[in-house]
Amino acid sequence: GTSTSWPKRCSSGSSPPWQQQSPRTPTTGQGHPWWTAECSTATKDLSKLEAELAETHSAGLLDLVLHEAVTQSRAQAKRTLYRARQHYYREQADKIEGNEIFVARKWALAERQYASPAMQDAEGRDFVTSAEKRALLRDTLLPNIDRQHPLQVLAQLPPSAARASHAALTRTELKDAVWAAAPDKAPGPDEITGRAVRQGWSAIEEPLFALASAAHDVGWYPAAFRTSTLCALKKGGKRDPALARSYRLIALLPVLGKALEKVAANRLAWFAETLGLVPTEQYGAMPKTSATDAGVALVHDIHVGWARHER
């Protein structure tokens, strides 16, 4: 019971410690991040004077003193809002470091965000609402895959794979997997970031290690970690936004589940390299290799072909 309920509680992100480490973005009174208490006071004073001036006008009177007070209050409110806005954005600019300047440049362009257009499927049917478009993207970009039976996959491995031995999970291995994830990456359905896990590591290390060890020993992956949030991103180029193929889906996974996956991926890569289960020309997802090695190997083969006068 505990092994299945604990992942659900962690993935829910509803406990007070997670809420403290991953707070919601606070909203402001007027929808502006630079809005301050002085802005509220200045606008309220202006509204009060304008209401009094409107009453005098409705009575057929002209109060020059009140009219001048409204003019001065309006100018004061404009100055207050300008100073608050200027102070806020200057503070944001002072915080920019290194490559963050490129993010700030995009942010400063202030491009408008519009709702996605209506979409069509291959038969020309229209999909207008958000629910309909989600269903179309899911059905088009996530087709049902007839996966092979695990035993059939294992039968295709070379005999050297049988030499792989099981070793217990270590705390260092688990911590390295947690720290390998980007701390501020977009969270999954649990709404927990990697930074929150790092800050609360002293409290969750013991239960997470027990869960990861049990999952590693029996080959079990908690169902709570198999749920993801899919985000649709438009592909580059001049593509028709009404077609589902003009988008690609990215999956945002629970942060604790990604740690378990990282442990398994590291071990599989180590076994594959040590036991010679992958070709030497495989450079992706393998330790101590990169795309540069593929380019070097290609150049080498070309030079060998030239030396042998082969085409």
C-alpha atoms as a PDB file:
ATOM      1  CA  GLY A   1       0.000   0.000   0.000  1.00  0.00           C
ATOM      2  CA  THR A   2       2.738   2.461   0.939  1.00  0.00           C
ATOM      3  CA  SER A   3       4.783   1.795  -2.209  1.00  0.00           C
ATOM      4  CA  THR A   4       1.833   2.730  -4.426  1.00  0.00           C
ATOM      5  CA  SER A   5       0.319   5.579  -2.389  1.00  0.00           C
ATOM      6  CA  TRP A   6       3.544   7.513  -1.792  1.00  0.00           C
ATOM      7  CA  PRO A   7       4.189   8.227  -5.518  1.00  0.00           C
ATOM      8  CA  LYS A   8       0.593   9.446  -5.854  1.00  0.00           C
ATOM      9  CA  ARG A   9       0.999  11.842  -2.930  1.00  0.00           C
ATOM     10  CA  CYS A  10       4.266  13.159  -4.355  1.00  0.00           C
ATOM     11  CA  SER A  11       2.820  13.565  -7.841  1.00  0.00           C
ATOM     12  CA  SER A  12      -0.240  15.415  -6.585  1.00  0.00           C
ATOM     13  CA  GLY A  13       1.901  18.377  -5.542  1.00  0.00           C
ATOM     14  CA  SER A  14      -0.835  19.357  -3.067  1.00  0.00           C
ATOM     15  CA  SER A  15       1.073  19.012   0.200  1.00  0.00           C
ATOM     16  CA  PRO A  16       2.110  22.240   1.979  1.00  0.00           C
ATOM     17  CA  PRO A  17       5.907  21.645   1.621  1.00  0.00           C
ATOM     18  CA  TRP A  18       5.604  21.341  -2.166  1.00  0.00           C
ATOM     19  CA  GLN A  19       3.413  24.447  -2.297  1.00  0.00           C
ATOM     20  CA  GLN A  20       6.024  26.390  -0.349  1.00  0.00           C
ATOM     21  CA  GLN A  21       8.854  25.287  -2.634  1.00  0.00           C
ATOM     22  CA  SER A  22       6.798  25.717  -5.846  1.00  0.00           C
ATOM     23  CA  PRO A  23       4.565  28.742  -5.163  1.00  0.00           C
ATOM     24  CA  ARG A  24       1.963  29.887  -7.621  1.00  0.00           C
ATOM     25  CA  THR A  25       2.686  33.103  -9.493  1.00  0.00           C
ATOM     26  CA  PRO A  26       0.857  35.811  -7.519  1.00  0.00           C
ATOM     27  CA  THR A  27      -1.618  37.991  -9.357  1.00  0.00           C
ATOM     28  CA  THR A  28      -1.733  41.766  -9.058  1.00  0.00           C
ATOM     29  CA  GLY A  29      -4.676  44.065  -8.572  1.00  0.00           C
ATOM     30  CA  GLN A  30      -4.604  45.570 -12.051  1.00  0.00           C
ATOM     31  CA  GLY A  31      -2.952  42.740 -13.922  1.00  0.00           C
ATOM     32  CA  HIS A  32       0.428  44.531 -14.049  1.00  0.00           C
ATOM     33  CA  PRO A  33       3.532  43.067 -12.345  1.00  0.00           C
ATOM     34  CA  TRP A  34       4.854  46.550 -11.613  1.00  0.00           C
ATOM     35  CA  TRP A  35       1.705  47.698  -9.759  1.00  0.00           C
ATOM     36  CA  THR A  36       2.404  48.971  -6.226  1.00  0.00           C
ATOM     37  CA  ALA A  37       0.415  50.239  -3.250  1.00  0.00           C
ATOM     38  CA  GLU A  38       1.260  53.829  -4.261  1.00  0.00           C
ATOM     39  CA  CYS A  39      -0.336  53.174  -7.656  1.00  0.00           C
ATOM     40  CA  SER A  40      -3.532  51.985  -5.986  1.00  0.00           C
ATOM     41  CA  THR A  41      -3.640  55.027  -3.697  1.00  0.00           C
ATOM     42  CA  ALA A  42      -3.056  57.491  -6.537  1.00  0.00           C
ATOM     43  CA  THR A  43      -5.732  55.971  -8.776  1.00  0.00           C
ATOM     44  CA  LYS A  44      -8.265  55.750  -5.938  1.00  0.00           C
ATOM     45  CA  ASP A  45      -7.726  59.428  -5.036  1.00  0.00           C
ATOM     46  CA  LEU A  46      -8.163  60.386  -8.679  1.00  0.00           C
ATOM     47  CA  SER A  47     -11.352  58.339  -8.999  1.00  0.00           C
ATOM     48  CA  LYS A  48     -12.799  59.961  -5.880  1.00  0.00           C
ATOM     49  CA  LEU A  49     -12.118  63.498  -7.135  1.00  0.00           C
ATOM     50  CA  GLU A  50     -13.473  62.692 -10.597  1.00  0.00           C
ATOM     51  CA  ALA A  51     -16.679  61.366  -9.027  1.00  0.00           C
ATOM     52  CA  GLU A  52     -17.092  64.602  -7.022  1.00  0.00           C
ATOM     53  CA  LEU A  53     -16.483  66.692 -10.135  1.00  0.00           C
ATOM     54  CA  ALA A  54     -19.064  64.664 -12.056  1.00  0.00           C
ATOM     55  CA  GLU A  55     -21.644  65.352  -9.331  1.00  0.00           C
ATOM     56  CA  THR A  56     -21.065  69.102  -9.532  1.00  0.00           C
ATOM     57  CA  HIS A  57     -21.398  69.016 -13.321  1.00  0.00           C
ATOM     58  CA  SER A  58     -24.665  67.061 -13.077  1.00  0.00           C
ATOM     59  CA  ALA A  59     -25.995  69.762 -10.734  1.00  0.00           C
ATOM     60  CA  GLY A  60     -25.137  72.468 -13.273  1.00  0.00           C
ATOM     61  CA  LEU A  61     -22.300  73.899 -11.166  1.00  0.00           C
ATOM     62  CA  LEU A  62     -18.672  74.651 -12.060  1.00  0.00           C
ATOM     63  CA  ASP A  63     -16.186  74.285  -9.208  1.00  0.00           C
ATOM     64  CA  LEU A  64     -12.883  75.672 -10.484  1.00  0.00           C
ATOM     65  CA  VAL A  65     -10.996  74.604  -7.367  1.00  0.00           C
ATOM     66  CA  LEU A  66     -12.226  71.022  -7.685  1.00  0.00           C
ATOM     67  CA  HIS A  67     -11.455  71.049 -11.419  1.00  0.00           C
ATOM     68  CA  GLU A  68      -7.870  72.087 -10.695  1.00  0.00           C
ATOM     69  CA  ALA A  69      -7.568  69.406  -8.011  1.00  0.00           C
ATOM     70  CA  VAL A  70      -8.667  66.750 -10.517  1.00  0.00           C
ATOM     71  CA  THR A  71      -6.096  67.989 -13.031  1.00  0.00           C
ATOM     72  CA  GLN A  72      -3.298  67.835 -10.465  1.00  0.00           C
ATOM     73  CA  SER A  73      -4.408  64.413  -9.195  1.00  0.00           C
ATOM     74  CA  ARG A  74      -4.484  63.047 -12.751  1.00  0.00           C
ATOM     75  CA  ALA A  75      -0.935  64.293 -13.365  1.00  0.00           C
ATOM     76  CA  GLN A  76       0.227  62.861 -10.040  1.00  0.00           C
ATOM     77  CA  ALA A  77      -1.295  59.456 -10.850  1.00  0.00           C
ATOM     78  CA  LYS A  78       0.441  59.380 -14.241  1.00  0.00           C
ATOM     79  CA  ARG A  79       3.785  60.197 -12.608  1.00  0.00           C
ATOM     80  CA  THR A  80       3.286  57.529  -9.950  1.00  0.00           C
ATOM     81  CA  LEU A  81       2.462  54.834 -12.490  1.00  0.00           C
ATOM     82  CA  TYR A  82       5.380  55.868 -14.706  1.00  0.00           C
ATOM     83  CA  ARG A  83       7.872  55.724 -11.830  1.00  0.00           C
ATOM     84  CA  ALA A  84       6.577  52.339 -10.626  1.00  0.00           C
ATOM     85  CA  ARG A  85       6.760  50.864 -14.124  1.00  0.00           C
ATOM     86  CA  GLN A  86      10.229  52.310 -14.727  1.00  0.00           C
ATOM     87  CA  HIS A  87      11.557  51.057 -11.383  1.00  0.00           C
ATOM     88  CA  TYR A  88      10.212  47.533 -11.940  1.00  0.00           C
ATOM     89  CA  TYR A  89      11.638  47.062 -15.417  1.00  0.00           C
ATOM     90  CA  ARG A  90      15.000  48.530 -14.444  1.00  0.00           C
ATOM     91  CA  GLU A  91      15.199  45.982 -11.634  1.00  0.00           C
ATOM     92  CA  GLN A  92      14.408  43.199 -14.106  1.00  0.00           C
ATOM     93  CA  ALA A  93      17.110  44.455 -16.479  1.00  0.00           C
ATOM     94  CA  ASP A  94      19.697  44.528 -13.680  1.00  0.00           C
ATOM     95  CA  LYS A  95      19.054  40.838 -12.947  1.00  0.00           C
ATOM     96  CA  ILE A  96      19.949  39.723 -16.496  1.00  0.00           C
ATOM     97  CA  GLU A  97      23.185  37.731 -16.713  1.00  0.00           C
ATOM     98  CA  GLY A  98      24.965  35.953 -19.564  1.00  0.00           C
ATOM     99  CA  ASN A  99      22.777  34.292 -22.171  1.00  0.00           C
ATOM    100  CA  GLU A 100      19.636  35.519 -20.405  1.00  0.00           C
ATOM    101  CA  ILE A 101      19.955  38.652 -22.550  1.00  0.00           C
ATOM    102  CA  PHE A 102      18.569  36.684 -25.515  1.00  0.00           C
ATOM    103  CA  VAL A 103      15.507  35.663 -23.508  1.00  0.00           C
ATOM    104  CA  ALA A 104      15.033  39.272 -22.410  1.00  0.00           C
ATOM    105  CA  ARG A 105      15.203  40.418 -26.014  1.00  0.00           C
ATOM    106  CA  LYS A 106      12.313  38.150 -26.983  1.00  0.00           C
ATOM    107  CA  TRP A 107      10.407  39.291 -23.907  1.00  0.00           C
ATOM    108  CA  ALA A 108      10.962  42.960 -24.815  1.00  0.00           C
ATOM    109  CA  LEU A 109       9.452  42.456 -28.273  1.00  0.00           C
ATOM    110  CA  ALA A 110       6.070  42.106 -26.550  1.00  0.00           C
ATOM    111  CA  GLU A 111       4.547  39.914 -29.244  1.00  0.00           C
ATOM    112  CA  ARG A 112       0.850  39.356 -28.825  1.00  0.00           C
ATOM    113  CA  GLN A 113      -0.423  35.887 -28.019  1.00  0.00           C
ATOM    114  CA  TYR A 114      -3.450  34.768 -29.997  1.00  0.00           C
ATOM    115  CA  ALA A 115      -5.697  31.752 -29.642  1.00  0.00           C
ATOM    116  CA  SER A 116      -4.897  28.891 -31.980  1.00  0.00           C
ATOM    117  CA  PRO A 117      -7.036  28.809 -35.143  1.00  0.00           C
ATOM    118  CA  ALA A 118      -9.643  26.200 -35.956  1.00  0.00           C
ATOM    119  CA  MET A 119      -8.154  22.939 -37.217  1.00  0.00           C
ATOM    120  CA  GLN A 120      -9.111  20.355 -39.813  1.00  0.00           C
ATOM    121  CA  ASP A 121      -8.455  16.662 -40.153  1.00  0.00           C
ATOM    122  CA  ALA A 122      -7.635  14.733 -43.327  1.00  0.00           C
ATOM    123  CA  GLU A 123     -11.338  14.458 -44.176  1.00  0.00           C
ATOM    124  CA  GLY A 124     -11.922  18.214 -43.951  1.00  0.00           C
ATOM    125  CA  ARG A 125     -13.898  18.176 -40.703  1.00  0.00           C
ATOM    126  CA  ASP A 126     -13.541  21.287 -38.531  1.00  0.00           C
ATOM    127  CA  PHE A 127     -12.319  21.249 -34.926  1.00  0.00           C
ATOM    128  CA  VAL A 128     -13.028  24.524 -33.136  1.00  0.00           C
ATOM    129  CA  THR A 129     -13.114  24.097 -29.360  1.00  0.00           C
ATOM    130  CA  SER A 130     -10.036  23.422 -27.245  1.00  0.00           C
ATOM    131  CA  ALA A 131     -11.248  19.923 -26.366  1.00  0.00           C
ATOM    132  CA  GLU A 132     -11.783  19.064 -30.037  1.00  0.00           C
ATOM    133  CA  LYS A 133      -8.339  20.348 -31.029  1.00  0.00           C
ATOM    134  CA  ARG A 134      -6.692  18.424 -28.198  1.00  0.00           C
ATOM    135  CA  ALA A 135      -8.391  15.232 -29.343  1.00  0.00           C
ATOM    136  CA  LEU A 136      -7.304  15.820 -32.956  1.00  0.00           C
ATOM    137  CA  LEU A 137      -3.676  16.439 -31.981  1.00  0.00           C
ATOM    138  CA  ARG A 138      -3.639  13.391 -29.732  1.00  0.00           C
ATOM    139  CA  ASP A 139      -5.179  11.070 -32.325  1.00  0.00           C
ATOM    140  CA  THR A 140      -2.980  12.358 -35.157  1.00  0.00           C
ATOM    141  CA  LEU A 141       0.383  12.737 -33.451  1.00  0.00           C
ATOM    142  CA  LEU A 142       0.113   9.890 -30.932  1.00  0.00           C
ATOM    143  CA  PRO A 143      -0.940   6.828 -32.933  1.00  0.00           C
ATOM    144  CA  ASN A 144      -1.436   3.532 -31.141  1.00  0.00           C
ATOM    145  CA  ILE A 145       1.786   1.530 -31.292  1.00  0.00           C
ATOM    146  CA  ASP A 146       1.684  -2.257 -31.268  1.00  0.00           C
ATOM    147  CA  ARG A 147       4.633  -2.838 -28.952  1.00  0.00           C
ATOM    148  CA  GLN A 148       6.526  -6.101 -29.014  1.00  0.00           C
ATOM    149  CA  HIS A 149       6.264  -8.449 -26.103  1.00  0.00           C
ATOM    150  CA  PRO A 150       9.199  -7.892 -23.678  1.00  0.00           C
ATOM    151  CA  LEU A 151      10.307 -11.529 -23.936  1.00  0.00           C
ATOM    152  CA  GLN A 152      10.499 -11.259 -27.722  1.00  0.00           C
ATOM    153  CA  VAL A 153      12.693  -8.180 -27.388  1.00  0.00           C
ATOM    154  CA  LEU A 154      15.026  -9.935 -24.937  1.00  0.00           C
ATOM    155  CA  ALA A 155      15.340 -12.902 -27.306  1.00  0.00           C
ATOM    156  CA  GLN A 156      16.821 -10.589 -29.934  1.00  0.00           C
ATOM    157  CA  LEU A 157      19.750  -9.532 -27.728  1.00  0.00           C
ATOM    158  CA  PRO A 158      23.179 -11.110 -28.281  1.00  0.00           C
ATOM    159  CA  PRO A 159      24.379 -13.848 -25.871  1.00  0.00           C
ATOM    160  CA  SER A 160      26.705 -11.389 -24.118  1.00  0.00           C
ATOM    161  CA  ALA A 161      23.650  -9.682 -22.583  1.00  0.00           C
ATOM    162  CA  ALA A 162      23.167 -12.693 -20.291  1.00  0.00           C
ATOM    163  CA  ARG A 163      26.377 -11.752 -18.462  1.00  0.00           C
ATOM    164  CA  ALA A 164      24.737  -8.645 -17.015  1.00  0.00           C
ATOM    165  CA  SER A 165      24.433  -8.910 -13.250  1.00  0.00           C
ATOM    166  CA  HIS A 166      22.090  -7.016 -10.950  1.00  0.00           C
ATOM    167  CA  ALA A 167      23.508  -4.511  -8.458  1.00  0.00           C
ATOM    168  CA  ALA A 168      21.611  -2.667  -5.751  1.00  0.00           C
ATOM    169  CA  LEU A 169      20.851   1.011  -6.205  1.00  0.00           C
ATOM    170  CA  THR A 170      23.090   3.440  -4.308  1.00  0.00           C
ATOM    171  CA  ARG A 171      22.172   6.774  -2.739  1.00  0.00           C
ATOM    172  CA  THR A 172      24.867   8.550  -4.728  1.00  0.00           C
ATOM    173  CA  GLU A 173      23.470   7.126  -7.951  1.00  0.00           C
ATOM    174  CA  LEU A 174      19.974   8.362  -7.118  1.00  0.00           C
ATOM    175  CA  LYS A 175      21.146  11.828  -6.062  1.00  0.00           C
ATOM    176  CA  ASP A 176      23.228  12.216  -9.224  1.00  0.00           C
ATOM    177  CA  ALA A 177      20.141  11.353 -11.276  1.00  0.00           C
ATOM    178  CA  VAL A 178      18.073  14.000  -9.459  1.00  0.00           C
ATOM    179  CA  TRP A 179      20.766  16.650  -9.794  1.00  0.00           C
ATOM    180  CA  ALA A 180      21.267  15.866 -13.498  1.00  0.00           C
ATOM    181  CA  ALA A 181      17.857  17.351 -14.346  1.00  0.00           C
ATOM    182  CA  ALA A 182      17.546  21.060 -15.072  1.00  0.00           C
ATOM    183  CA  PRO A 183      16.269  22.708 -11.846  1.00  0.00           C
ATOM    184  CA  ASP A 184      13.884  25.173 -13.489  1.00  0.00           C
ATOM    185  CA  LYS A 185      12.538  23.093 -16.339  1.00  0.00           C
ATOM    186  CA  ALA A 186       8.780  23.182 -16.924  1.00  0.00           C
ATOM    187  CA  PRO A 187       7.115  20.763 -14.463  1.00  0.00           C
ATOM    188  CA  GLY A 188       4.783  17.933 -15.377  1.00  0.00           C
ATOM    189  CA  PRO A 189       1.319  17.179 -13.981  1.00  0.00           C
ATOM    190  CA  ASP A 190       2.748  17.089 -10.439  1.00  0.00           C
ATOM    191  CA  GLU A 191       3.685  20.810 -10.791  1.00  0.00           C
ATOM    192  CA  ILE A 192       6.960  20.106  -8.943  1.00  0.00           C
ATOM    193  CA  THR A 193      10.221  21.500 -10.300  1.00  0.00           C
ATOM    194  CA  GLY A 194      13.691  20.044  -9.953  1.00  0.00           C
ATOM    195  CA  ARG A 195      14.682  22.972  -7.752  1.00  0.00           C
ATOM    196  CA  ALA A 196      11.915  22.122  -5.267  1.00  0.00           C
ATOM    197  CA  VAL A 197      13.179  18.534  -5.050  1.00  0.00           C
ATOM    198  CA  ARG A 198      16.723  19.757  -4.443  1.00  0.00           C
ATOM    199  CA  GLN A 199      15.657  22.126  -1.685  1.00  0.00           C
ATOM    200  CA  GLY A 200      13.575  19.431  -0.002  1.00  0.00           C
ATOM    201  CA  TRP A 201      16.118  16.661  -0.534  1.00  0.00           C
ATOM    202  CA  SER A 202      16.845  16.152   3.158  1.00  0.00           C
ATOM    203  CA  ALA A 203      13.152  15.367   3.779  1.00  0.00           C
ATOM    204  CA  ILE A 204      12.437  13.140   0.770  1.00  0.00           C
ATOM    205  CA  GLU A 205      15.768  11.355   0.302  1.00  0.00           C
ATOM    206  CA  GLU A 206      14.869   8.404   2.537  1.00  0.00           C
ATOM    207  CA  PRO A 207      11.369   7.613   1.149  1.00  0.00           C
ATOM    208  CA  LEU A 208      12.482   8.268  -2.430  1.00  0.00           C
ATOM    209  CA  PHE A 209      15.481   5.965  -2.037  1.00  0.00           C
ATOM    210  CA  ALA A 210      13.239   3.216  -0.629  1.00  0.00           C
ATOM    211  CA  LEU A 211      10.823   3.645  -3.530  1.00  0.00           C
ATOM    212  CA  ALA A 212      13.571   3.747  -6.177  1.00  0.00           C
ATOM    213  CA  SER A 213      15.328   0.709  -4.686  1.00  0.00           C
ATOM    214  CA  ALA A 214      12.130  -1.339  -4.686  1.00  0.00           C
ATOM    215  CA  ALA A 215      11.295  -0.268  -8.231  1.00  0.00           C
ATOM    216  CA  HIS A 216      14.824  -1.091  -9.389  1.00  0.00           C
ATOM    217  CA  ASP A 217      14.920  -4.499  -7.702  1.00  0.00           C
ATOM    218  CA  VAL A 218      11.602  -5.800  -9.045  1.00  0.00           C
ATOM    219  CA  GLY A 219      11.513  -3.912 -12.352  1.00  0.00           C
ATOM    220  CA  TRP A 220       8.467  -1.836 -11.412  1.00  0.00           C
ATOM    221  CA  TYR A 221       7.633   1.716 -12.484  1.00  0.00           C
ATOM    222  CA  PRO A 222       4.922   3.495 -10.411  1.00  0.00           C
ATOM    223  CA  ALA A 223       1.746   4.244 -12.348  1.00  0.00           C
ATOM    224  CA  ALA A 224       1.650   7.772 -10.891  1.00  0.00           C
ATOM    225  CA  PHE A 225       4.847   8.589 -12.782  1.00  0.00           C
ATOM    226  CA  ARG A 226       3.481   7.426 -16.152  1.00  0.00           C
ATOM    227  CA  THR A 227       1.202  10.441 -16.592  1.00  0.00           C
ATOM    228  CA  SER A 228       2.504  13.411 -18.569  1.00  0.00           C
ATOM    229  CA  THR A 229       1.337  16.836 -19.690  1.00  0.00           C
ATOM    230  CA  LEU A 230       1.514  17.247 -23.474  1.00  0.00           C
ATOM    231  CA  CYS A 231       2.281  20.680 -24.929  1.00  0.00           C
ATOM    232  CA  ALA A 232       1.741  21.425 -28.622  1.00  0.00           C
ATOM    233  CA  LEU A 233       4.476  23.522 -30.254  1.00  0.00           C
ATOM    234  CA  LYS A 234       4.172  24.865 -33.781  1.00  0.00           C
ATOM    235  CA  LYS A 235       6.877  23.679 -36.160  1.00  0.00           C
ATOM    236  CA  GLY A 236       9.054  26.206 -37.953  1.00  0.00           C
ATOM    237  CA  GLY A 237       8.526  27.467 -41.461  1.00  0.00           C
ATOM    238  CA  LYS A 238       5.375  28.528 -43.254  1.00  0.00           C
ATOM    239  CA  ARG A 239       3.093  25.680 -42.284  1.00  0.00           C
ATOM    240  CA  ASP A 240      -0.678  25.641 -42.282  1.00  0.00           C
ATOM    241  CA  PRO A 241      -1.698  26.162 -38.614  1.00  0.00           C
ATOM    242  CA  ALA A 242      -5.003  24.391 -39.283  1.00  0.00           C
ATOM    243  CA  LEU A 243      -3.254  21.040 -39.813  1.00  0.00           C
ATOM    244  CA  ALA A 244      -2.278  18.828 -36.886  1.00  0.00           C
ATOM    245  CA  ARG A 245       0.966  17.843 -38.635  1.00  0.00           C
ATOM    246  CA  SER A 246       2.118  21.461 -38.316  1.00  0.00           C
ATOM    247  CA  TYR A 247       2.646  20.880 -34.587  1.00  0.00           C
ATOM    248  CA  ARG A 248       4.779  18.611 -32.452  1.00  0.00           C
ATOM    249  CA  LEU A 249       4.016  17.396 -28.957  1.00  0.00           C
ATOM    250  CA  ILE A 250       6.441  17.515 -26.052  1.00  0.00           C
ATOM    251  CA  ALA A 251       5.768  15.548 -22.877  1.00  0.00           C
ATOM    252  CA  LEU A 252       6.311  17.135 -19.456  1.00  0.00           C
ATOM    253  CA  LEU A 253       6.897  14.291 -17.001  1.00  0.00           C
ATOM    254  CA  PRO A 254       6.781  14.109 -13.182  1.00  0.00           C
ATOM    255  CA  VAL A 255      10.161  15.122 -11.818  1.00  0.00           C
ATOM    256  CA  LEU A 256      10.510  12.119  -9.475  1.00  0.00           C
ATOM    257  CA  GLY A 257       9.678   9.718 -12.283  1.00  0.00           C
ATOM    258  CA  LYS A 258      12.396  11.290 -14.421  1.00  0.00           C
ATOM    259  CA  ALA A 259      14.929  10.511 -11.690  1.00  0.00           C
ATOM    260  CA  LEU A 260      13.994   6.811 -11.803  1.00  0.00           C
ATOM    261  CA  GLU A 261      14.214   6.844 -15.599  1.00  0.00           C
ATOM    262  CA  LYS A 262      17.637   8.495 -15.444  1.00  0.00           C
ATOM    263  CA  VAL A 263      18.964   5.763 -13.154  1.00  0.00           C
ATOM    264  CA  ALA A 264      17.717   3.044 -15.517  1.00  0.00           C
ATOM    265  CA  ALA A 265      19.049   4.867 -18.593  1.00  0.00           C
ATOM    266  CA  ASN A 266      22.509   5.288 -17.043  1.00  0.00           C
ATOM    267  CA  ARG A 267      22.689   1.597 -16.179  1.00  0.00           C
ATOM    268  CA  LEU A 268      21.476   0.481 -19.596  1.00  0.00           C
ATOM    269  CA  ALA A 269      24.061   2.681 -21.321  1.00  0.00           C
ATOM    270  CA  TRP A 270      26.811   1.270 -19.090  1.00  0.00           C
ATOM    271  CA  PHE A 271      25.762  -2.333 -19.754  1.00  0.00           C
ATOM    272  CA  ALA A 272      25.456  -1.691 -23.490  1.00  0.00           C
ATOM    273  CA  GLU A 273      28.967  -0.268 -23.650  1.00  0.00           C
ATOM    274  CA  THR A 274      30.603  -2.796 -21.330  1.00  0.00           C
ATOM    275  CA  LEU A 275      29.040  -5.907 -22.875  1.00  0.00           C
ATOM    276  CA  GLY A 276      29.280  -4.699 -26.464  1.00  0.00           C
ATOM    277  CA  LEU A 277      25.533  -4.737 -27.120  1.00  0.00           C
ATOM    278  CA  VAL A 278      25.552  -1.797 -29.557  1.00  0.00           C
ATOM    279  CA  PRO A 279      27.616  -1.178 -32.700  1.00  0.00           C
ATOM    280  CA  THR A 280      30.723   0.954 -32.442  1.00  0.00           C
ATOM    281  CA  GLU A 281      29.112   3.391 -34.888  1.00  0.00           C
ATOM    282  CA  GLN A 282      26.340   4.187 -32.381  1.00  0.00           C
ATOM    283  CA  TYR A 283      27.155   7.615 -30.932  1.00  0.00           C
ATOM    284  CA  GLY A 284      23.814   8.903 -29.666  1.00  0.00           C
ATOM    285  CA  ALA A 285      22.758   8.218 -26.046  1.00  0.00           C
ATOM    286  CA  MET A 286      26.097   6.549 -25.333  1.00  0.00           C
ATOM    287  CA  PRO A 287      28.610   7.762 -22.729  1.00  0.00           C
ATOM    288  CA  LYS A 288      31.826   9.450 -23.856  1.00  0.00           C
ATOM    289  CA  THR A 289      30.502   9.953 -27.404  1.00  0.00           C
ATOM    290  CA  SER A 290      28.883  12.829 -29.276  1.00  0.00           C
ATOM    291  CA  ALA A 291      27.725  13.901 -32.720  1.00  0.00           C
ATOM    292  CA  THR A 292      31.257  15.184 -33.365  1.00  0.00           C
ATOM    293  CA  ASP A 293      32.497  11.582 -33.324  1.00  0.00           C
ATOM    294  CA  ALA A 294      30.052  10.721 -36.108  1.00  0.00           C
ATOM    295  CA  GLY A 295      31.471  13.525 -38.229  1.00  0.00           C
ATOM    296  CA  VAL A 296      35.046  12.418 -37.553  1.00  0.00           C
ATOM    297  CA  ALA A 297      34.185   8.821 -38.505  1.00  0.00           C
ATOM    298  CA  LEU A 298      32.549   9.995 -41.732  1.00  0.00           C
ATOM    299  CA  VAL A 299      35.567  12.110 -42.709  1.00  0.00           C
ATOM    300  CA  HIS A 300      37.869   9.170 -41.941  1.00  0.00           C
ATOM    301  CA  ASP A 301      35.859   6.799 -44.155  1.00  0.00           C
ATOM    302  CA  ILE A 302      35.883   9.342 -46.999  1.00  0.00           C
ATOM    303  CA  HIS A 303      39.652   9.773 -46.781  1.00  0.00           C
ATOM    304  CA  VAL A 304      40.152   5.995 -46.759  1.00  0.00           C
ATOM    305  CA  GLY A 305      37.962   5.695 -49.846  1.00  0.00           C
ATOM    306  CA  TRP A 306      39.940   8.375 -51.625  1.00  0.00           C
ATOM    307  CA  ALA A 307      43.223   6.665 -50.738  1.00  0.00           C
ATOM    308  CA  ARG A 308      41.907   3.402 -52.218  1.00  0.00           C
ATOM    309  CA  HIS A 309      40.503   5.215 -55.257  1.00  0.00           C
ATOM    310  CA  GLU A 310      37.010   4.046 -54.354  1.00  0.00           C
ATOM    311  CA  ARG A 311      33.863   5.910 -55.253  1.00  0.00           C
END
